[in-house]
Amino acid sequence: MSEVKVGAVVFDRDSDRPAMVHRIQGHTVTVIRPAGNTWTRSYTRLRPATPAERYQLGALARFQRVRCKGLSHIL
């Protein structure tokens, strides 16, 4: 559990995707993706993300920023 800290990028073994740790409550961890999707998992189902998985999450965050800029004229 020492590897799971708020702000850490982890890989969810159940959903096969990287996410960032948003909140920790006991053995339950809430993770978040760049588009704002959140879900909870037991910390035992998470592992530290590899460099490639961290890059993937960063690429998704960059894409989300561009996507939101493109829609700013609508909002």
Protein backbone atom coordinates (compact mmCIF):
# COMPACT_ATOMS: atom_id res chain seq x y z
CA MET A 1 0.00 0.00 0.00
CA SER A 2 3.00 2.32 0.36
CA GLU A 3 3.12 2.61 -3.44
CA VAL A 4 -0.42 4.00 -3.62
CA LYS A 5 -0.39 7.72 -2.79
CA VAL A 6 -2.61 10.61 -3.83
CA GLY A 7 -1.37 11.95 -7.16
CA ALA A 8 0.40 8.73 -8.14
CA VAL A 9 -0.25 7.22 -11.54
CA VAL A 10 -1.38 3.63 -11.17
CA PHE A 11 -2.60 0.87 -13.46
CA ASP A 12 -5.97 -0.69 -12.69
CA ARG A 13 -5.68 -4.43 -13.31
CA ASP A 14 -9.46 -4.86 -13.53
CA SER A 15 -10.13 -2.23 -16.20
CA ASP A 16 -6.70 -2.47 -17.89
CA ARG A 17 -6.12 1.27 -17.91
CA PRO A 18 -3.95 3.82 -16.13
CA ALA A 19 -5.40 6.48 -13.85
CA MET A 20 -4.32 8.90 -11.14
CA VAL A 21 -5.01 8.31 -7.46
CA HIS A 22 -7.57 10.89 -6.34
CA ARG A 23 -8.47 9.72 -2.82
CA ILE A 24 -7.59 6.94 -0.39
CA GLN A 25 -10.07 5.71 2.20
CA GLY A 26 -8.73 2.71 4.07
CA HIS A 27 -8.23 -0.08 1.53
CA THR A 28 -10.39 1.65 -1.08
CA VAL A 29 -8.76 3.95 -3.61
CA THR A 30 -10.63 6.39 -5.85
CA VAL A 31 -8.88 6.95 -9.17
CA ILE A 32 -9.57 9.53 -11.87
CA ARG A 33 -8.94 9.79 -15.61
CA PRO A 34 -8.27 13.02 -17.55
CA ALA A 35 -11.89 13.34 -18.74
CA GLY A 36 -13.08 13.21 -15.12
CA ASN A 37 -14.20 9.59 -14.96
CA THR A 38 -13.74 8.24 -11.42
CA TRP A 39 -14.11 4.81 -9.91
CA THR A 40 -13.03 2.97 -6.77
CA ARG A 41 -10.88 -0.11 -6.40
CA SER A 42 -9.24 -2.05 -3.64
CA TYR A 43 -5.61 -0.97 -3.48
CA THR A 44 -4.62 -4.60 -4.10
CA ARG A 45 -6.01 -4.33 -7.68
CA LEU A 46 -3.71 -1.40 -8.48
CA ARG A 47 -0.03 -1.37 -9.32
CA PRO A 48 2.38 1.47 -10.11
CA ALA A 49 2.14 2.47 -13.77
CA THR A 50 5.02 1.74 -16.11
CA PRO A 51 6.66 4.66 -17.97
CA ALA A 52 4.62 3.75 -21.07
CA GLU A 53 1.38 3.77 -19.06
CA ARG A 54 2.28 7.13 -17.50
CA TYR A 55 2.93 8.46 -21.01
CA GLN A 56 -0.44 7.10 -22.15
CA LEU A 57 -2.23 8.91 -19.33
CA GLY A 58 -0.35 12.12 -20.14
CA ALA A 59 -1.29 11.80 -23.81
CA LEU A 60 -4.93 11.40 -22.83
CA ALA A 61 -4.69 14.52 -20.65
CA ARG A 62 -3.18 16.51 -23.54
CA PHE A 63 -5.92 15.25 -25.86
CA GLN A 64 -8.60 16.21 -23.34
CA ARG A 65 -7.19 19.76 -23.05
CA VAL A 66 -7.25 20.16 -26.84
CA ARG A 67 -10.73 18.69 -27.02
CA CYS A 68 -12.04 21.10 -24.40
CA LYS A 69 -10.42 24.07 -26.13
CA GLY A 70 -12.15 23.08 -29.35
CA LEU A 71 -15.52 23.14 -27.60
CA SER A 72 -14.95 26.38 -25.71
CA HIS A 73 -16.88 28.42 -28.26
CA ILE A 74 -19.97 26.28 -27.55
CA LEU A 75 -19.89 26.68 -23.78
